Amino acid sequence: MKIVIVGAGEVGSHLAKLLSREEQDIILVDKDSDKLAGIDANYNLMTLCGSPTSFSTLRDAGTSHCDLFIAVTPYETSNVTACAMAKSLGAKKTVARIDNYEFMVDESREFFTRIGVDYLIYPEYLAAEEIMTALKRSWVRHWFELHNGEIILVGVKLRNNAPLIGMQLKELAFSQPRFHVSAIKRNHETIIPRGDDRINDNDILYFTTTRDHVDDLLQMCGKVHQEIKNVLIMGGSRIAVRLAALAEDIYNIKIIDNNMDVCRRLPEKCPECEIVYGDARDIDVLREEGIEDFDAFIALSDSSEANILACLTAKEFGVGKSIAEVENIQFISEAEGLNIGTVINKKLLASSKIFQILLDADINSSKCLALADAEVAEMIVKPNSKITKAEVKDLNLTRDMTIAGLVRDGIGMLVKGDTRIQAGDHVVVFCLAGAIHKVERLFN
């Protein structure tokens, strides 16, 4: 598949690196040669210096015969314009990153489709949705639903009070057949486990189950669900504004920001929230604002390091749930290893949406979750695909992937060795980074 990405900022360069590992034909375009320097030398892709809104640049990038055109510059106007131009040149599908929620409403979709923008991605809104999920289910690290919750993938970090510690996976499968451990995050590495692997303290386990049995995981993992009512947010960012729009009718929200201009603008954008001018990294400020009375602390400043440290501080004050925006990919594994709860990354969330499009799935029914070093995808099985030719145990799947569960005729079920996958099944696949192209070949 030929993919053109315009915009070599954080999202664009991260996407280009991810997709280049999937054996795709990638060209990355940006008008700043410094951003492109070194990328093509270290990754399996090409770069082109030029304007994203120049017809000659887009022609040189091969846009006329590309399968997917992705515009992720910092400027939504340029992204929309570039997609419209790319579509007119012959690009099959176009994706534009935007910053305006008004563009996301259904009434706007017809306009964007008409001018040549097939998909819109708003990373800040995706992050706000992810935070809402984390607040609703305070005991989980990751939550991934297939077909309205018929199959659920839950990421849970185990402490030394979890009854599962020390158990082999084959013991768990025998005693708890309603759960399947699809992956384990251990010591900064995600592994696809086998039956003789043993569960350790501080592991993050990714369980696949059906919705009727999710609550059983709390006791198994030594967790307690905490009801969230009062939420303290550090940083009045665009994510905070979108989160407030989603959550202000559900939670009592206070936002602290150390920029007076931001604080003056926030009341209009977040009318139901309490706005405080101050530095939430300062312990005295947290005490003054009653940090002990909050159920959740969300750090959304521009600094990943500050967000991580602030969440650690909130935990020391007894806050039950903390959520940190960590935009430095290299910090994610470290952050997940600390006692800070959920980690949010806009680049990974945007990648999830674009992987979904890359897999040529129905955008309305299929989902994809991109982790730091793994992906979880819902795949719809096509007739006569390789995955239907034998029982799962005889498919000779590589060790970098596992079939986590499936939905057949609207009913979710776990996958066992003697399961035979059928055309039309919606299948959840967990695979390590770089293996998604193998998965796609099995299903097409």
Protein backbone atom coordinates (compact mmCIF):
# COMPACT_ATOMS: atom_id res chain seq x y z
CA MET A 1 0.00 0.00 0.00
CA LYS A 2 1.30 3.44 -0.93
CA ILE A 3 0.81 6.04 1.82
CA VAL A 4 1.63 9.75 1.65
CA ILE A 5 1.93 11.62 4.96
CA VAL A 6 2.21 15.41 4.96
CA GLY A 7 3.45 17.00 8.16
CA ALA A 8 6.57 15.69 9.90
CA GLY A 9 5.64 16.92 13.36
CA GLU A 10 5.12 14.63 16.32
CA VAL A 11 2.04 12.86 14.94
CA GLY A 12 3.28 12.64 11.34
CA SER A 13 6.77 11.39 12.11
CA HIS A 14 5.44 8.88 14.64
CA LEU A 15 2.92 7.57 12.14
CA ALA A 16 5.55 7.33 9.43
CA LYS A 17 7.85 5.32 11.69
CA LEU A 18 5.03 3.00 12.76
CA LEU A 19 3.73 2.41 9.27
CA SER A 20 7.20 1.90 7.83
CA ARG A 21 7.53 -1.13 10.13
CA GLU A 22 4.38 -2.56 8.57
CA GLU A 23 6.14 -2.94 5.20
CA GLN A 24 4.13 -0.15 3.60
CA ASP A 25 5.37 2.20 0.88
CA ILE A 26 5.64 5.47 2.85
CA ILE A 27 6.62 8.97 1.76
CA LEU A 28 6.75 11.75 4.36
CA VAL A 29 6.38 15.35 3.17
CA ASP A 30 7.21 18.56 5.04
CA LYS A 31 8.44 22.01 4.08
CA ASP A 32 10.98 21.98 6.93
CA SER A 33 14.01 19.96 5.85
CA ASP A 34 15.33 19.85 9.44
CA LYS A 35 12.31 17.80 10.53
CA LEU A 36 12.95 15.31 7.75
CA ALA A 37 16.68 14.99 8.41
CA GLY A 38 17.61 11.58 9.70
CA ILE A 39 14.14 10.04 9.36
CA ASP A 40 14.67 8.44 5.94
CA ALA A 41 18.10 7.16 6.96
CA ASN A 42 16.78 5.27 9.99
CA TYR A 43 13.42 4.02 8.73
CA ASN A 44 12.06 2.23 5.70
CA LEU A 45 10.50 5.28 4.07
CA MET A 46 11.20 8.21 1.76
CA THR A 47 11.03 11.93 2.51
CA LEU A 48 10.25 14.94 0.35
CA CYS A 49 10.79 18.59 1.23
CA GLY A 50 8.00 20.78 -0.05
CA SER A 51 4.74 22.53 0.76
CA PRO A 52 1.79 20.25 1.66
CA THR A 53 -0.51 22.57 -0.27
CA SER A 54 1.54 22.65 -3.48
CA PHE A 55 0.24 20.68 -6.45
CA SER A 56 3.77 20.12 -7.73
CA THR A 57 4.90 18.75 -4.35
CA LEU A 58 1.91 16.43 -4.13
CA ARG A 59 2.52 15.17 -7.67
CA ASP A 60 6.19 14.55 -6.85
CA ALA A 61 5.08 12.55 -3.80
CA GLY A 62 3.01 10.24 -6.01
CA THR A 63 -0.29 11.36 -4.55
CA SER A 64 -2.15 10.57 -7.78
CA HIS A 65 -1.74 6.83 -7.20
CA CYS A 66 -1.57 6.63 -3.39
CA ASP A 67 -3.96 4.42 -1.44
CA LEU A 68 -4.01 6.64 1.65
CA PHE A 69 -3.20 10.35 2.02
CA ILE A 70 -2.73 11.60 5.60
CA ALA A 71 -2.48 15.32 6.40
CA VAL A 72 -1.28 15.94 9.97
CA THR A 73 0.43 19.33 9.89
CA PRO A 74 -0.23 21.60 12.93
CA TYR A 75 -2.69 23.64 10.85
CA GLU A 76 -6.13 22.20 10.17
CA THR A 77 -6.75 24.56 7.23
CA SER A 78 -3.64 23.25 5.48
CA ASN A 79 -4.67 19.67 6.27
CA VAL A 80 -8.15 20.07 4.81
CA THR A 81 -6.79 21.89 1.77
CA ALA A 82 -4.10 19.26 1.20
CA CYS A 83 -6.68 16.45 1.36
CA ALA A 84 -8.95 18.21 -1.12
CA MET A 85 -6.01 18.69 -3.50
CA ALA A 86 -4.85 15.09 -3.04
CA LYS A 87 -8.34 13.76 -3.78
CA SER A 88 -8.51 15.82 -6.96
CA LEU A 89 -5.19 14.30 -8.03
CA GLY A 90 -6.45 10.75 -7.51
CA ALA A 91 -5.75 9.72 -3.90
CA LYS A 92 -8.10 6.90 -2.94
CA LYS A 93 -8.63 7.83 0.73
CA THR A 94 -7.74 11.00 2.61
CA VAL A 95 -7.38 11.74 6.33
CA ALA A 96 -7.12 15.23 7.86
CA ARG A 97 -6.10 16.13 11.39
CA ILE A 98 -8.32 18.91 12.75
CA ASP A 99 -8.53 21.05 15.88
CA ASN A 100 -12.16 22.19 15.69
CA TYR A 101 -14.84 20.04 17.28
CA GLU A 102 -17.52 21.70 15.13
CA PHE A 103 -16.08 19.82 12.16
CA MET A 104 -16.83 16.50 13.87
CA VAL A 105 -20.61 16.86 14.06
CA ASP A 106 -22.70 14.90 11.57
CA GLU A 107 -23.98 18.03 9.84
CA SER A 108 -20.42 18.87 8.75
CA ARG A 109 -19.50 15.46 7.38
CA GLU A 110 -21.28 15.87 4.04
CA PHE A 111 -19.35 19.08 3.35
CA PHE A 112 -15.96 17.48 4.01
CA THR A 113 -16.82 14.40 1.98
CA ARG A 114 -17.89 16.63 -0.89
CA ILE A 115 -14.59 18.50 -0.98
CA GLY A 116 -12.53 15.31 -0.76
CA VAL A 117 -11.83 14.66 2.95
CA ASP A 118 -12.84 11.08 3.77
CA TYR A 119 -11.87 10.96 7.46
CA LEU A 120 -11.30 13.56 10.17
CA ILE A 121 -9.07 12.95 13.18
CA TYR A 122 -9.17 15.20 16.23
CA PRO A 123 -6.47 13.90 18.62
CA GLU A 124 -7.52 16.08 21.56
CA TYR A 125 -11.08 14.78 21.36
CA LEU A 126 -9.81 11.18 21.17
CA ALA A 127 -7.75 11.87 24.30
CA ALA A 128 -10.76 13.31 26.13
CA GLU A 129 -12.81 10.23 25.25
CA GLU A 130 -10.02 8.00 26.52
CA ILE A 131 -9.91 9.92 29.81
CA MET A 132 -13.67 9.53 30.19
CA THR A 133 -13.27 5.78 29.80
CA ALA A 134 -10.54 5.78 32.46
CA LEU A 135 -12.71 7.75 34.89
CA LYS A 136 -15.67 5.42 34.44
CA ARG A 137 -13.50 2.35 35.07
CA SER A 138 -10.95 3.57 37.56
CA TRP A 139 -9.32 0.16 38.15
CA VAL A 140 -8.18 -0.48 34.55
CA ARG A 141 -5.25 0.79 32.48
CA HIS A 142 -6.76 0.05 29.05
CA TRP A 143 -10.30 -0.71 27.91
CA PHE A 144 -11.16 -1.86 24.38
CA GLU A 145 -14.70 -2.86 23.35
CA LEU A 146 -15.86 -4.81 20.32
CA HIS A 147 -19.47 -4.72 19.13
CA ASN A 148 -21.01 -2.77 21.99
CA GLY A 149 -19.07 -4.69 24.59
CA GLU A 150 -19.67 -8.25 23.35
CA ILE A 151 -15.90 -8.76 23.62
CA ILE A 152 -13.85 -6.62 25.99
CA LEU A 153 -10.08 -6.31 26.27
CA VAL A 154 -9.00 -5.03 29.69
CA GLY A 155 -5.47 -4.00 30.68
CA VAL A 156 -4.90 -4.30 34.44
CA LYS A 157 -1.73 -3.71 36.46
CA LEU A 158 -1.25 -6.34 39.18
CA ARG A 159 0.05 -5.52 42.65
CA ASN A 160 1.30 -8.02 45.20
CA ASN A 161 -2.21 -8.40 46.65
CA ALA A 162 -3.56 -10.01 43.45
CA PRO A 163 -4.52 -13.69 43.85
CA LEU A 164 -3.14 -14.34 40.34
CA ILE A 165 0.48 -13.62 41.29
CA GLY A 166 2.65 -16.68 40.75
CA MET A 167 0.07 -18.59 38.72
CA GLN A 168 0.94 -20.10 35.34
CA LEU A 169 -1.33 -19.09 32.47
CA LYS A 170 -2.35 -22.68 31.80
CA GLU A 171 -3.54 -22.90 35.43
CA LEU A 172 -5.54 -19.71 34.94
CA ALA A 173 -7.06 -21.03 31.70
CA PHE A 174 -8.12 -24.22 33.50
CA SER A 175 -9.55 -22.53 36.60
CA GLN A 176 -10.96 -19.42 34.87
CA PRO A 177 -11.94 -20.43 31.30
CA ARG A 178 -13.98 -17.23 30.88
CA PHE A 179 -10.75 -15.21 30.56
CA HIS A 180 -7.90 -15.24 28.08
CA VAL A 181 -4.63 -13.42 28.77
CA SER A 182 -3.77 -12.01 25.35
CA ALA A 183 -0.57 -10.17 26.33
CA ILE A 184 1.61 -9.18 29.25
CA LYS A 185 3.49 -5.88 29.64
CA ARG A 186 6.56 -6.64 31.75
CA ASN A 187 9.76 -4.65 32.30
CA HIS A 188 9.01 -2.19 29.47
CA GLU A 189 8.27 -5.00 26.99
CA THR A 190 5.00 -6.42 25.70
CA ILE A 191 4.99 -10.19 25.20
CA ILE A 192 2.48 -12.62 23.72
CA PRO A 193 2.49 -15.26 26.47
CA ARG A 194 2.23 -19.05 26.35
CA GLY A 195 0.75 -21.50 28.83
CA ASP A 196 3.91 -22.01 30.88
CA ASP A 197 4.46 -18.27 31.43
CA ARG A 198 3.99 -17.23 35.06
CA ILE A 199 2.21 -14.06 36.26
CA ASN A 200 4.43 -11.67 38.22
CA ASP A 201 3.92 -8.70 40.51
CA ASN A 202 3.78 -5.39 38.55
CA ASP A 203 2.76 -7.11 35.31
CA ILE A 204 0.14 -5.38 33.19
CA LEU A 205 -2.13 -8.19 31.97
CA TYR A 206 -4.39 -7.77 28.95
CA PHE A 207 -7.45 -9.93 29.54
CA THR A 208 -10.03 -10.78 26.91
CA THR A 209 -13.48 -11.66 28.23
CA THR A 210 -17.19 -11.14 27.67
CA ARG A 211 -19.08 -8.34 29.37
CA ASP A 212 -20.89 -10.67 31.77
CA HIS A 213 -17.60 -11.57 33.45
CA VAL A 214 -15.70 -8.26 33.54
CA ASP A 215 -16.62 -7.62 37.17
CA ASP A 216 -15.04 -10.95 38.19
CA LEU A 217 -11.67 -9.46 37.24
CA LEU A 218 -11.71 -7.07 40.19
CA GLN A 219 -11.39 -9.80 42.78
CA MET A 220 -9.00 -11.87 40.64
CA CYS A 221 -6.69 -8.89 40.24
CA GLY A 222 -7.06 -7.55 43.78
CA LYS A 223 -8.81 -4.38 42.58
CA VAL A 224 -11.61 -2.25 44.02
CA HIS A 225 -13.82 -0.01 41.88
CA GLN A 226 -13.77 3.58 43.06
CA GLU A 227 -16.63 5.90 42.18
CA ILE A 228 -15.29 9.19 40.78
CA LYS A 229 -17.09 12.42 41.69
CA ASN A 230 -14.51 15.19 42.17
CA VAL A 231 -11.84 15.73 39.51
CA LEU A 232 -8.82 18.06 39.60
CA ILE A 233 -7.17 18.89 36.25
CA MET A 234 -3.69 20.38 35.89
CA GLY A 235 -3.48 22.44 32.69
CA GLY A 236 -6.21 24.20 30.73
CA SER A 237 -5.24 22.61 27.42
CA ARG A 238 -7.50 21.76 24.49
CA ILE A 239 -7.83 18.26 25.93
CA ALA A 240 -9.04 19.78 29.21
CA VAL A 241 -11.61 21.89 27.37
CA ARG A 242 -12.95 18.91 25.42
CA LEU A 243 -12.95 16.78 28.57
CA ALA A 244 -14.92 19.45 30.41
CA ALA A 245 -17.51 19.47 27.62
CA LEU A 246 -17.92 15.71 27.97
CA ALA A 247 -17.73 15.47 31.75
CA GLU A 248 -18.92 18.66 33.45
CA ASP A 249 -22.47 17.28 33.84
CA ILE A 250 -21.11 14.09 35.42
CA TYR A 251 -18.21 15.22 37.64
CA ASN A 252 -17.30 18.23 39.76
CA ILE A 253 -14.28 19.62 37.92
CA LYS A 254 -11.62 22.10 39.00
CA ILE A 255 -8.94 23.22 36.52
CA ILE A 256 -5.63 24.73 37.67
CA ASP A 257 -3.40 26.55 35.18
CA ASN A 258 -0.31 28.70 35.71
CA ASN A 259 -1.07 30.99 32.75
CA MET A 260 -3.35 33.91 33.63
CA ASP A 261 -4.45 34.43 30.01
CA VAL A 262 -5.56 30.80 29.83
CA CYS A 263 -7.45 31.17 33.11
CA ARG A 264 -9.28 34.22 31.77
CA ARG A 265 -10.44 32.31 28.66
CA LEU A 266 -11.43 29.06 30.37
CA PRO A 267 -14.67 30.21 32.08
CA GLU A 268 -16.27 30.86 28.70
CA LYS A 269 -15.16 27.46 27.35
CA CYS A 270 -15.83 25.51 30.58
CA PRO A 271 -18.71 27.36 32.26
CA GLU A 272 -19.48 24.61 34.79
CA CYS A 273 -15.88 24.18 35.98
CA GLU A 274 -14.05 26.01 38.75
CA ILE A 275 -10.95 27.75 37.36
CA VAL A 276 -7.92 28.43 39.55
CA TYR A 277 -4.76 30.36 38.70
CA GLY A 278 -1.76 28.55 40.15
CA ASP A 279 0.93 25.94 39.61
CA ALA A 280 -0.35 22.42 40.34
CA ARG A 281 3.26 21.20 40.51
CA ASP A 282 3.55 23.13 43.78
CA ILE A 283 2.60 20.96 46.77
CA ASP A 284 1.42 24.01 48.72
CA VAL A 285 -0.98 24.92 45.89
CA LEU A 286 -2.37 21.38 45.86
CA ARG A 287 -2.92 21.55 49.62
CA GLU A 288 -4.66 24.91 49.32
CA GLU A 289 -7.02 23.51 46.68
CA GLY A 290 -7.90 20.51 48.86
CA ILE A 291 -6.14 17.76 46.91
CA GLU A 292 -7.17 15.20 49.56
CA ASP A 293 -10.84 15.72 48.65
CA PHE A 294 -10.46 14.74 45.00
CA ASP A 295 -11.14 11.27 43.61
CA ALA A 296 -9.12 11.79 40.42
CA PHE A 297 -6.18 13.93 39.31
CA ILE A 298 -5.55 14.51 35.58
CA ALA A 299 -2.27 16.07 34.45
CA LEU A 300 -2.58 17.70 31.00
CA SER A 301 0.30 20.19 30.86
CA ASP A 302 2.69 20.48 27.91
CA SER A 303 5.42 18.65 29.84
CA SER A 304 5.33 14.85 30.07
CA GLU A 305 7.81 14.92 32.95
CA ALA A 306 5.72 17.45 34.90
CA ASN A 307 2.58 15.38 34.33
CA ILE A 308 4.21 12.20 35.60
CA LEU A 309 5.64 13.88 38.69
CA ALA A 310 2.37 15.67 39.46
CA CYS A 311 0.47 12.39 39.30
CA LEU A 312 2.96 10.77 41.66
CA THR A 313 2.46 13.68 44.05
CA ALA A 314 -1.32 13.34 43.84
CA LYS A 315 -1.01 9.64 44.66
CA GLU A 316 1.03 10.51 47.75
CA PHE A 317 -1.88 12.70 48.89
CA GLY A 318 -4.20 9.71 48.58
CA VAL A 319 -5.92 10.47 45.26
CA GLY A 320 -7.31 7.15 44.05
CA LYS A 321 -7.11 7.66 40.28
CA SER A 322 -4.48 9.61 38.36
CA ILE A 323 -4.17 10.13 34.61
CA ALA A 324 -1.14 11.64 32.86
CA GLU A 325 -0.77 12.91 29.34
CA VAL A 326 2.62 11.58 28.25
CA GLU A 327 3.48 12.69 24.72
CA ASN A 328 7.08 11.46 24.76
CA ILE A 329 6.78 7.88 23.49
CA GLN A 330 10.02 6.89 25.21
CA PHE A 331 8.53 7.86 28.59
CA ILE A 332 5.41 5.71 28.30
CA SER A 333 6.93 2.44 29.51
CA GLU A 334 8.55 4.22 32.44
CA ALA A 335 5.28 5.96 33.29
CA GLU A 336 3.31 2.72 33.13
CA GLY A 337 5.77 1.17 35.53
CA LEU A 338 5.10 3.88 38.12
CA ASN A 339 2.12 4.29 40.38
CA ILE A 340 0.32 6.88 38.26
CA GLY A 341 -2.62 4.99 36.78
CA THR A 342 -3.58 5.67 33.16
CA VAL A 343 -1.26 7.14 30.51
CA ILE A 344 -2.73 9.10 27.59
CA ASN A 345 -0.85 9.78 24.34
CA LYS A 346 -2.44 11.68 21.44
CA LYS A 347 -0.05 10.22 18.87
CA LEU A 348 -1.00 6.66 19.77
CA LEU A 349 -4.69 7.50 19.74
CA ALA A 350 -4.37 9.09 16.29
CA SER A 351 -2.39 6.05 15.17
CA SER A 352 -5.22 3.81 16.32
CA LYS A 353 -7.68 5.61 14.09
CA ILE A 354 -5.35 5.59 11.10
CA PHE A 355 -4.47 1.91 11.53
CA GLN A 356 -8.19 1.29 11.46
CA ILE A 357 -8.39 2.99 8.07
CA LEU A 358 -5.22 1.26 6.91
CA LEU A 359 -6.78 -2.14 7.59
CA ASP A 360 -9.56 -1.19 5.17
CA ALA A 361 -12.23 -1.87 7.80
CA ASP A 362 -15.66 -0.32 8.19
CA ILE A 363 -14.96 2.84 10.16
CA ASN A 364 -18.29 2.55 11.98
CA SER A 365 -17.91 -1.00 13.28
CA SER A 366 -14.19 -1.68 13.51
CA LYS A 367 -11.69 -0.42 16.01
CA CYS A 368 -7.97 -0.45 16.57
CA LEU A 369 -6.00 0.27 19.72
CA ALA A 370 -2.35 1.26 19.27
CA LEU A 371 -0.12 0.80 22.31
CA ALA A 372 3.50 1.88 22.59
CA ASP A 373 4.79 -1.41 21.18
CA ALA A 374 1.68 -3.37 20.17
CA GLU A 375 -1.66 -3.10 18.39
CA VAL A 376 -5.09 -4.53 19.01
CA ALA A 377 -7.33 -4.66 15.97
CA GLU A 378 -10.81 -5.84 15.11
CA MET A 379 -10.73 -7.67 11.80
CA ILE A 380 -13.76 -8.74 9.79
CA VAL A 381 -13.12 -12.16 8.24
CA LYS A 382 -13.56 -12.28 4.47
CA PRO A 383 -14.74 -15.41 2.61
CA ASN A 384 -11.96 -17.90 1.74
CA SER A 385 -9.35 -16.02 3.78
CA LYS A 386 -6.45 -18.00 5.22
CA ILE A 387 -7.75 -17.65 8.77
CA THR A 388 -10.78 -19.84 7.90
CA LYS A 389 -8.80 -22.79 6.53
CA ALA A 390 -8.15 -24.64 9.82
CA GLU A 391 -8.80 -24.69 13.54
CA VAL A 392 -6.87 -22.02 15.43
CA LYS A 393 -4.38 -24.53 16.88
CA ASP A 394 -3.46 -25.61 13.33
CA LEU A 395 -3.03 -22.14 11.84
CA ASN A 396 0.65 -21.93 12.87
CA LEU A 397 0.31 -18.35 14.06
CA THR A 398 3.62 -16.63 14.71
CA ARG A 399 4.59 -15.79 18.30
CA ASP A 400 4.05 -12.09 17.73
CA MET A 401 0.25 -12.38 17.52
CA THR A 402 -2.70 -14.03 19.23
CA ILE A 403 -6.41 -14.26 18.50
CA ALA A 404 -8.09 -12.87 21.58
CA GLY A 405 -11.80 -13.39 20.88
CA LEU A 406 -14.53 -13.07 18.29
CA VAL A 407 -18.13 -11.99 17.75
CA ARG A 408 -20.31 -14.30 15.66
CA ASP A 409 -23.95 -13.53 14.88
CA GLY A 410 -23.80 -10.73 17.45
CA ILE A 411 -22.58 -12.95 20.31
CA GLY A 412 -19.11 -12.61 21.84
CA MET A 413 -17.00 -15.65 22.64
CA LEU A 414 -13.41 -16.48 23.54
CA VAL A 415 -11.24 -18.37 21.07
CA LYS A 416 -9.87 -21.80 21.94
CA GLY A 417 -7.54 -24.15 20.10
CA ASP A 418 -10.39 -26.04 18.46
CA THR A 419 -12.24 -22.87 17.39
CA ARG A 420 -12.77 -22.60 13.63
CA ILE A 421 -13.08 -19.00 12.48
CA GLN A 422 -15.74 -18.32 9.87
CA ALA A 423 -16.33 -15.68 7.21
CA GLY A 424 -18.17 -12.71 8.68
CA ASP A 425 -16.73 -13.17 12.18
CA HIS A 426 -15.44 -10.04 13.90
CA VAL A 427 -12.13 -11.12 15.43
CA VAL A 428 -9.96 -9.32 18.00
CA VAL A 429 -6.26 -9.78 17.26
CA PHE A 430 -3.46 -8.71 19.62
CA CYS A 431 -0.10 -8.35 17.87
CA LEU A 432 3.28 -6.82 18.55
CA ALA A 433 4.42 -3.72 16.66
CA GLY A 434 5.40 -4.55 13.09
CA ALA A 435 3.14 -7.61 12.79
CA ILE A 436 -0.11 -5.99 11.68
CA HIS A 437 0.69 -6.67 8.00
CA LYS A 438 0.90 -10.39 8.79
CA VAL A 439 -2.49 -10.20 10.43
CA GLU A 440 -3.97 -8.42 7.43
CA ARG A 441 -2.74 -11.16 5.07
CA LEU A 442 -4.46 -13.83 7.19
CA PHE A 443 -7.81 -12.07 6.99
CA ASN A 444 -7.85 -11.01 3.31
